[in-house]
Amino acid sequence: MSNRVVITGIGIYSCLGENLGQVTQSLYAGKSGIIFDKARKDFGFRSALTGMVARPDLKPFLSRRQRMGMHEPAEYAYMATREALETSGLDIDFLDKTETGIIFGNDSTAASVIEATDKVREKRDTTLIGSGAIFQNMNSTVNMNLSTIFKLKGINFTLSAACASGSHSIGMGYLLIQQGLQERVICGGAQEINMESMCSFDGLGTFSTHESEPMKASRPFDRDRDGLIPSGGAATVILESYDAAVKRGAPILAELIGYGFSSNGDHISNPSIDGQVRSLQMALGQAGIGPEAIDYINAHATSTPVGDSSEARAIYEVFGGEVPVSSTKSLTGHECWMAGASEIVYSLLMLQNDFIAPNINFENPDEDSARINIVPETKSHKIDCFLSNSFGFGGTNSTLIVRRITS
């Protein structure tokens, strides 16, 4: 059995906006969501740049009991999933009576763990932590909370794969539906953006220090890039089998036709061109298409010197230099665990509105980026089929291919 897999709903809560409409406007305008956070500099950060993501007020939507086990990742994911369910035409009554799964990418809950530990350190009494803390502290916090709130009855687990977490979550949902094990899976990625979650990352020296001009600091593929900028939020993509979507009269936004993956099997943090190429080729092979069928590539490119060069070389090896490429991380910074999911949402918004979001701050190519077709300004462009890359620490690679629905 091999079922067609379609996307029937999307939702987003990011530094580009708190809903699909706001995010579409930011993408088209090339509007950055990156700020200078003085509190980080005062705290001891080498770089105080970050994507700005506000904590949502969930009181209008959820009871106190429902909220008590939620911290940033789950809060952001709730907002994105709520919007995705609305766009998909799904409600809790339907979800309660059917089998719908959830696979969410998440790889840290640092702030909640530290907050709980600080309470004990201050009060010398673990009973004062509060009963909701354990559900905030676990990496599976998103799945635990959302599966309970939305009464989900299918597959239920968190996927932890560094900066490819969101992409792999969609890939795994795709495989389960393709094989007939699920009719519908809510997939996505969530990323906390507090200081606690980014201290060790900042300590590696991989963040940009262009603090005087925050919106110009994220420079994927540019010769003068000096590091990434952390960001976060959540993105949700609802996958269904084509037959199940048609049966319930769901809006079909696009079809997911390929998922490629690989492991570098080498250095824990350095990228591998070979690993990336294998992921790209696997996705194309599974989709049954050639490189010429891809109208747009949303690159992983995070604005690091080595990472961007490696990806540019991998893209050139597989696609040559013609296909349009941009990294939405020039606008958002690196959304880490959610990036693989949010970049599917961003690319779908481009597909729906016939444009390519710009790779802003791309002013001077280097030897590798000069060989591929990077789009520095918003471009009107009909996208029928796009590809999105996600690569993570530990050498995990994921590639997704999405096509405009035909019939």
Protein backbone atom coordinates (compact mmCIF):
# COMPACT_ATOMS: atom_id res chain seq x y z
CA MET A 1 0.00 0.00 0.00
CA SER A 2 1.23 3.50 -0.85
CA ASN A 3 -1.17 6.31 -0.04
CA ARG A 4 -0.80 9.81 -1.40
CA VAL A 5 -0.07 12.29 1.39
CA VAL A 6 -1.49 15.80 1.29
CA ILE A 7 -1.28 18.91 3.45
CA THR A 8 -4.69 20.15 4.60
CA GLY A 9 -3.75 22.67 7.28
CA ILE A 10 -0.89 24.92 8.35
CA GLY A 11 -0.31 27.25 11.29
CA ILE A 12 2.55 29.48 12.37
CA TYR A 13 3.64 31.51 15.39
CA SER A 14 7.03 33.09 14.75
CA CYS A 15 9.09 36.26 14.82
CA LEU A 16 7.58 37.11 11.41
CA GLY A 17 4.06 37.19 12.82
CA GLU A 18 1.56 35.41 15.01
CA ASN A 19 -0.61 34.04 12.18
CA LEU A 20 -0.47 33.12 8.51
CA GLY A 21 -1.59 36.53 7.29
CA GLN A 22 1.04 38.46 9.20
CA VAL A 23 3.77 36.02 8.21
CA THR A 24 2.84 36.19 4.52
CA GLN A 25 3.16 39.98 4.62
CA SER A 26 6.56 39.80 6.34
CA LEU A 27 7.86 37.22 3.85
CA TYR A 28 6.77 39.30 0.86
CA ALA A 29 8.15 42.52 2.35
CA GLY A 30 11.44 40.89 3.33
CA LYS A 31 10.83 42.08 6.89
CA SER A 32 13.24 40.75 9.50
CA GLY A 33 12.07 39.64 12.94
CA ILE A 34 15.48 39.94 14.60
CA ILE A 35 16.17 42.31 17.51
CA PHE A 36 18.90 43.25 20.00
CA ASP A 37 17.98 41.97 23.47
CA LYS A 38 19.84 44.04 26.08
CA ALA A 39 18.95 41.56 28.82
CA ARG A 40 21.13 38.95 27.12
CA LYS A 41 24.09 41.26 26.95
CA ASP A 42 23.68 42.16 30.62
CA PHE A 43 23.43 38.45 31.46
CA GLY A 44 26.78 37.70 29.81
CA PHE A 45 25.92 36.65 26.29
CA ARG A 46 28.56 37.12 23.62
CA SER A 47 25.75 37.99 21.19
CA ALA A 48 22.48 39.60 22.27
CA LEU A 49 20.70 39.10 18.93
CA THR A 50 17.55 37.01 18.79
CA GLY A 51 14.31 36.55 16.91
CA MET A 52 11.53 38.31 18.84
CA VAL A 53 8.73 35.90 19.76
CA ALA A 54 6.16 37.03 22.31
CA ARG A 55 4.71 34.59 24.84
CA PRO A 56 1.05 34.10 23.90
CA ASP A 57 -1.82 34.74 26.31
CA LEU A 58 -3.66 31.40 26.44
CA LYS A 59 -6.26 32.41 29.03
CA PRO A 60 -8.95 33.12 26.39
CA PHE A 61 -8.55 29.59 25.02
CA LEU A 62 -7.53 27.23 27.81
CA SER A 63 -8.40 26.63 31.45
CA ARG A 64 -5.84 27.05 34.21
CA ARG A 65 -5.57 23.27 34.54
CA GLN A 66 -4.82 22.95 30.81
CA ARG A 67 -2.20 25.70 30.99
CA MET A 68 -0.31 24.58 34.08
CA GLY A 69 1.75 21.93 32.29
CA MET A 70 2.77 24.23 29.44
CA HIS A 71 5.93 26.28 28.96
CA GLU A 72 7.20 28.11 25.85
CA PRO A 73 7.43 25.22 23.35
CA ALA A 74 3.94 23.93 24.18
CA GLU A 75 2.45 27.43 24.28
CA TYR A 76 3.83 28.33 20.87
CA ALA A 77 2.80 24.95 19.47
CA TYR A 78 -0.74 25.37 20.76
CA MET A 79 -1.14 28.64 18.89
CA ALA A 80 0.26 27.21 15.64
CA THR A 81 -1.81 24.03 15.92
CA ARG A 82 -4.99 25.91 16.72
CA GLU A 83 -4.57 27.87 13.49
CA ALA A 84 -3.68 24.76 11.49
CA LEU A 85 -6.81 22.94 12.68
CA GLU A 86 -8.92 25.92 11.70
CA THR A 87 -7.44 26.07 8.19
CA SER A 88 -7.95 22.32 7.87
CA GLY A 89 -11.58 22.41 8.98
CA LEU A 90 -10.99 20.10 11.94
CA ASP A 91 -12.67 20.50 15.34
CA ILE A 92 -12.32 18.70 18.65
CA ASP A 93 -15.54 16.72 18.19
CA PHE A 94 -14.20 15.22 14.97
CA LEU A 95 -10.77 14.56 16.49
CA ASP A 96 -12.35 12.90 19.53
CA LYS A 97 -14.26 10.45 17.33
CA THR A 98 -11.48 9.61 14.86
CA GLU A 99 -7.86 8.51 14.96
CA THR A 100 -5.53 11.46 14.51
CA GLY A 101 -1.85 11.30 15.44
CA ILE A 102 0.70 13.87 16.53
CA ILE A 103 4.47 13.93 15.94
CA PHE A 104 6.19 17.13 17.00
CA GLY A 105 9.82 18.10 16.76
CA ASN A 106 11.30 19.48 19.99
CA ASP A 107 14.79 19.16 21.45
CA SER A 108 14.88 21.24 24.63
CA THR A 109 12.86 22.51 27.58
CA ALA A 110 15.74 24.30 29.27
CA ALA A 111 13.97 27.22 30.93
CA SER A 112 11.34 25.14 32.70
CA VAL A 113 13.96 22.74 34.07
CA ILE A 114 16.07 25.61 35.38
CA GLU A 115 13.05 27.38 36.91
CA ALA A 116 12.04 24.23 38.78
CA THR A 117 15.58 23.65 40.03
CA ASP A 118 15.92 27.27 41.15
CA LYS A 119 12.79 26.93 43.30
CA VAL A 120 14.26 23.97 45.12
CA ARG A 121 17.61 25.69 45.54
CA GLU A 122 15.85 28.69 47.10
CA LYS A 123 13.23 26.93 49.24
CA ARG A 124 14.99 23.60 49.96
CA ASP A 125 11.69 21.81 49.35
CA THR A 126 10.78 19.92 46.15
CA THR A 127 7.07 19.96 47.00
CA LEU A 128 7.02 23.68 46.26
CA ILE A 129 7.91 23.15 42.58
CA GLY A 130 4.28 22.60 41.62
CA SER A 131 2.52 19.68 39.96
CA GLY A 132 2.70 21.14 36.44
CA ALA A 133 6.48 21.39 36.33
CA ILE A 134 7.14 17.79 35.35
CA PHE A 135 4.97 18.18 32.25
CA GLN A 136 6.78 21.39 31.35
CA ASN A 137 10.21 19.86 31.89
CA MET A 138 9.99 16.86 29.58
CA ASN A 139 11.00 17.09 25.94
CA SER A 140 7.64 15.53 25.09
CA THR A 141 5.82 18.52 26.61
CA VAL A 142 4.31 19.54 23.27
CA ASN A 143 2.84 16.12 22.50
CA MET A 144 1.59 15.52 26.05
CA ASN A 145 -0.24 18.82 26.18
CA LEU A 146 -1.63 18.99 22.65
CA SER A 147 -2.77 15.36 22.53
CA THR A 148 -4.74 15.98 25.73
CA ILE A 149 -6.16 19.36 24.74
CA PHE A 150 -7.23 18.28 21.25
CA LYS A 151 -8.27 14.71 22.23
CA LEU A 152 -5.95 13.01 19.77
CA LYS A 153 -6.21 9.21 19.54
CA GLY A 154 -3.47 8.19 17.09
CA ILE A 155 0.34 8.01 17.13
CA ASN A 156 1.81 10.27 19.80
CA PHE A 157 5.53 11.01 20.24
CA THR A 158 8.17 13.71 20.15
CA LEU A 159 10.93 13.65 17.58
CA SER A 160 14.27 14.96 18.78
CA ALA A 161 16.81 15.54 16.01
CA ALA A 162 18.44 18.91 16.65
CA CYS A 163 17.76 21.47 13.92
CA ALA A 164 16.16 18.86 11.67
CA SER A 165 13.52 17.94 14.27
CA GLY A 166 10.60 19.75 12.62
CA SER A 167 11.43 18.40 9.18
CA HIS A 168 11.84 14.80 10.36
CA SER A 169 8.52 15.02 12.21
CA ILE A 170 6.78 15.81 8.91
CA GLY A 171 8.77 13.07 7.18
CA MET A 172 7.74 10.48 9.76
CA GLY A 173 4.09 11.52 9.52
CA TYR A 174 4.39 11.17 5.75
CA LEU A 175 5.74 7.62 6.03
CA LEU A 176 3.01 6.51 8.47
CA ILE A 177 0.25 7.81 6.21
CA GLN A 178 1.89 6.52 3.05
CA GLN A 179 2.01 3.02 4.58
CA GLY A 180 -1.61 3.13 5.71
CA LEU A 181 -0.85 3.15 9.45
CA GLN A 182 -2.51 6.54 10.01
CA GLU A 183 -5.04 8.59 8.07
CA ARG A 184 -4.05 11.90 9.63
CA VAL A 185 -1.08 13.22 11.61
CA ILE A 186 -0.51 16.65 13.14
CA CYS A 187 3.18 17.40 12.62
CA GLY A 188 5.40 20.34 13.42
CA GLY A 189 8.24 21.85 15.37
CA ALA A 190 8.55 24.04 18.47
CA GLN A 191 11.46 26.10 19.77
CA GLU A 192 11.81 27.97 23.06
CA ILE A 193 13.61 31.29 22.72
CA ASN A 194 14.49 32.16 26.32
CA MET A 195 18.03 32.96 27.45
CA GLU A 196 18.36 29.71 29.37
CA SER A 197 17.98 27.64 26.21
CA MET A 198 20.65 29.56 24.30
CA CYS A 199 23.51 30.09 26.80
CA SER A 200 25.57 27.07 25.76
CA PHE A 201 24.90 27.74 22.07
CA ASP A 202 26.14 31.31 22.48
CA GLY A 203 29.21 29.99 24.26
CA LEU A 204 30.24 28.07 21.14
CA GLY A 205 30.88 31.37 19.37
CA THR A 206 28.52 30.51 16.50
CA PHE A 207 26.19 33.52 16.91
CA SER A 208 26.58 36.67 14.85
CA THR A 209 28.05 39.68 16.66
CA HIS A 210 26.77 42.32 14.18
CA GLU A 211 24.74 43.81 17.03
CA SER A 212 24.64 47.39 15.76
CA GLU A 213 22.30 46.40 12.90
CA PRO A 214 20.22 43.42 14.08
CA MET A 215 18.14 43.12 10.90
CA LYS A 216 21.29 42.89 8.78
CA ALA A 217 23.10 40.36 10.96
CA SER A 218 21.64 37.18 9.46
CA ARG A 219 23.42 36.89 6.11
CA PRO A 220 22.99 33.40 4.64
CA PHE A 221 25.38 32.73 1.73
CA ASP A 222 26.90 36.23 1.95
CA ARG A 223 30.68 36.46 2.00
CA ASP A 224 30.62 38.57 5.18
CA ARG A 225 28.38 36.32 7.29
CA ASP A 226 29.73 35.72 10.77
CA GLY A 227 27.22 33.43 12.45
CA LEU A 228 23.59 32.58 13.05
CA ILE A 229 20.96 34.28 15.21
CA PRO A 230 18.71 32.15 17.46
CA SER A 231 14.97 32.35 17.03
CA GLY A 232 11.90 30.28 17.78
CA GLY A 233 8.16 29.82 18.01
CA ALA A 234 6.23 26.95 16.45
CA ALA A 235 4.84 25.71 13.15
CA THR A 236 2.22 23.05 12.47
CA VAL A 237 1.53 21.07 9.30
CA ILE A 238 -1.48 18.75 9.12
CA LEU A 239 -0.93 15.72 6.90
CA GLU A 240 -3.70 13.42 5.66
CA SER A 241 -4.09 10.65 3.17
CA TYR A 242 -5.52 11.98 -0.05
CA ASP A 243 -8.56 9.70 0.23
CA ALA A 244 -9.31 10.75 3.83
CA ALA A 245 -9.00 14.43 2.92
CA VAL A 246 -11.34 14.08 -0.06
CA LYS A 247 -13.83 12.09 2.00
CA ARG A 248 -14.25 14.83 4.58
CA GLY A 249 -14.11 17.65 2.02
CA ALA A 250 -10.90 19.09 3.43
CA PRO A 251 -9.02 21.92 1.72
CA ILE A 252 -5.97 20.36 0.04
CA LEU A 253 -3.13 22.88 0.07
CA ALA A 254 -0.42 20.74 -1.54
CA GLU A 255 0.94 17.22 -1.77
CA LEU A 256 4.02 15.94 0.06
CA ILE A 257 5.78 13.71 -2.47
CA GLY A 258 9.30 13.12 -1.16
CA TYR A 259 11.24 12.67 2.07
CA GLY A 260 14.97 12.14 2.06
CA PHE A 261 17.22 11.60 5.05
CA SER A 262 20.77 10.65 5.93
CA SER A 263 23.34 10.70 8.68
CA ASN A 264 26.82 12.05 8.11
CA GLY A 265 28.39 9.50 10.42
CA ASP A 266 31.27 11.87 11.04
CA HIS A 267 31.86 15.06 13.06
CA ILE A 268 29.24 15.97 15.69
CA SER A 269 28.86 19.58 14.52
CA ASN A 270 30.60 20.03 11.16
CA PRO A 271 28.44 19.55 8.04
CA SER A 272 29.05 16.97 5.34
CA ILE A 273 28.48 17.61 1.65
CA ASP A 274 28.18 13.89 1.02
CA GLY A 275 25.47 13.50 3.66
CA GLN A 276 23.50 16.42 2.30
CA VAL A 277 23.74 15.15 -1.28
CA ARG A 278 22.48 11.71 -0.23
CA SER A 279 19.47 13.30 1.50
CA LEU A 280 18.68 15.41 -1.58
CA GLN A 281 18.99 12.47 -3.95
CA MET A 282 16.86 10.22 -1.76
CA ALA A 283 14.05 12.80 -1.66
CA LEU A 284 14.12 13.20 -5.44
CA GLY A 285 14.17 9.44 -5.92
CA GLN A 286 11.25 8.86 -3.59
CA ALA A 287 9.29 11.63 -5.30
CA GLY A 288 10.05 10.07 -8.68
CA ILE A 289 11.17 13.37 -10.20
CA GLY A 290 14.37 14.85 -11.58
CA PRO A 291 16.19 17.97 -10.32
CA GLU A 292 14.66 20.03 -13.13
CA ALA A 293 11.18 19.62 -11.57
CA ILE A 294 12.10 21.74 -8.53
CA ASP A 295 11.00 25.38 -8.90
CA TYR A 296 12.40 26.67 -5.60
CA ILE A 297 14.72 25.55 -2.80
CA ASN A 298 14.32 26.87 0.74
CA ALA A 299 17.87 26.30 1.96
CA HIS A 300 18.85 25.34 5.48
CA ALA A 301 21.60 27.99 5.32
CA THR A 302 21.92 29.44 8.81
CA SER A 303 24.48 32.20 8.09
CA THR A 304 27.54 30.30 9.31
CA PRO A 305 30.70 30.34 7.17
CA VAL A 306 31.20 26.57 6.87
CA GLY A 307 27.54 25.50 6.87
CA ASP A 308 26.38 27.76 4.05
CA SER A 309 29.34 26.90 1.83
CA SER A 310 28.73 23.18 2.27
CA GLU A 311 25.07 23.47 1.36
CA ALA A 312 25.79 25.68 -1.65
CA ARG A 313 28.19 23.02 -2.94
CA ALA A 314 25.64 20.23 -2.32
CA ILE A 315 22.89 22.16 -4.12
CA TYR A 316 25.18 22.84 -7.07
CA GLU A 317 26.21 19.19 -7.28
CA VAL A 318 22.59 17.98 -7.46
CA PHE A 319 20.78 20.87 -9.18
CA GLY A 320 23.37 22.99 -10.92
CA GLY A 321 23.08 26.75 -10.80
CA GLU A 322 19.65 27.55 -12.23
CA VAL A 323 17.01 26.71 -9.59
CA PRO A 324 16.05 29.74 -7.41
CA VAL A 325 17.35 29.47 -3.84
CA SER A 326 16.75 31.55 -0.72
CA SER A 327 17.11 31.04 3.00
CA THR A 328 14.21 32.42 5.02
CA LYS A 329 16.60 32.37 7.97
CA SER A 330 17.87 35.70 6.65
CA LEU A 331 14.52 37.03 7.95
CA THR A 332 13.89 34.80 10.94
CA GLY A 333 17.29 33.80 12.21
CA HIS A 334 17.70 30.11 13.01
CA GLU A 335 14.48 28.70 14.47
CA CYS A 336 16.35 25.55 15.48
CA TRP A 337 14.00 22.68 16.40
CA MET A 338 11.02 24.26 14.60
CA ALA A 339 12.88 25.40 11.46
CA GLY A 340 12.19 22.33 9.34
CA ALA A 341 8.45 22.75 9.93
CA SER A 342 8.26 26.55 9.71
CA GLU A 343 10.15 26.57 6.43
CA ILE A 344 7.55 24.22 4.94
CA VAL A 345 4.88 26.72 6.04
CA TYR A 346 6.85 29.68 4.66
CA SER A 347 7.38 27.90 1.34
CA LEU A 348 3.72 26.92 1.11
CA LEU A 349 2.73 30.56 1.60
CA MET A 350 5.05 31.45 -1.29
CA LEU A 351 3.49 28.69 -3.43
CA GLN A 352 -0.01 29.94 -2.65
CA ASN A 353 0.87 33.56 -3.45
CA ASP A 354 3.28 33.09 -6.40
CA PHE A 355 6.41 34.68 -5.00
CA ILE A 356 9.83 33.82 -3.60
CA ALA A 357 10.76 35.45 -0.30
CA PRO A 358 14.12 37.18 -0.49
CA ASN A 359 17.43 36.05 0.92
CA ILE A 360 17.99 39.49 2.44
CA ASN A 361 21.47 40.80 3.24
CA PHE A 362 22.97 38.85 0.36
CA GLU A 363 25.28 41.49 -1.08
CA ASN A 364 28.55 39.72 -1.89
CA PRO A 365 28.69 36.05 -2.86
CA ASP A 366 31.62 33.86 -1.92
CA GLU A 367 33.18 31.25 -4.19
CA ASP A 368 30.50 28.65 -3.45
CA SER A 369 27.36 30.82 -3.27
CA ALA A 370 28.27 32.51 -6.56
CA ARG A 371 27.60 29.20 -8.34
CA ILE A 372 23.93 28.91 -7.34
CA ASN A 373 20.92 31.14 -8.06
CA ILE A 374 20.30 33.00 -4.80
CA VAL A 375 17.30 35.36 -4.81
CA PRO A 376 18.22 38.57 -2.90
CA GLU A 377 14.92 40.42 -3.43
CA THR A 378 11.27 39.39 -3.47
CA LYS A 379 10.52 37.79 -6.82
CA SER A 380 7.20 37.01 -8.51
CA HIS A 381 7.48 33.35 -9.37
CA LYS A 382 5.01 30.50 -9.86
CA ILE A 383 6.08 27.58 -7.69
CA ASP A 384 4.61 24.20 -8.54
CA CYS A 385 7.17 22.14 -6.65
CA PHE A 386 9.59 23.15 -3.90
CA LEU A 387 12.26 21.48 -1.78
CA SER A 388 13.25 22.32 1.80
CA ASN A 389 16.49 21.29 3.50
CA SER A 390 17.14 20.84 7.23
CA PHE A 391 20.44 19.76 8.76
CA GLY A 392 21.31 19.33 12.43
CA PHE A 393 24.02 18.65 14.99
CA GLY A 394 25.01 15.02 15.09
CA GLY A 395 24.99 14.92 11.31
CA THR A 396 21.26 14.44 10.82
CA ASN A 397 19.91 15.55 7.42
CA SER A 398 16.33 15.85 6.17
CA THR A 399 14.87 16.94 2.84
CA LEU A 400 11.17 17.38 2.01
CA ILE A 401 9.60 17.92 -1.42
CA VAL A 402 6.13 19.45 -1.75
CA ARG A 403 4.10 19.84 -4.96
CA ARG A 404 1.04 21.86 -5.90
CA ILE A 405 -1.91 19.47 -5.96
CA THR A 406 -2.90 18.38 -9.46
CA SER A 407 -5.75 15.88 -9.17
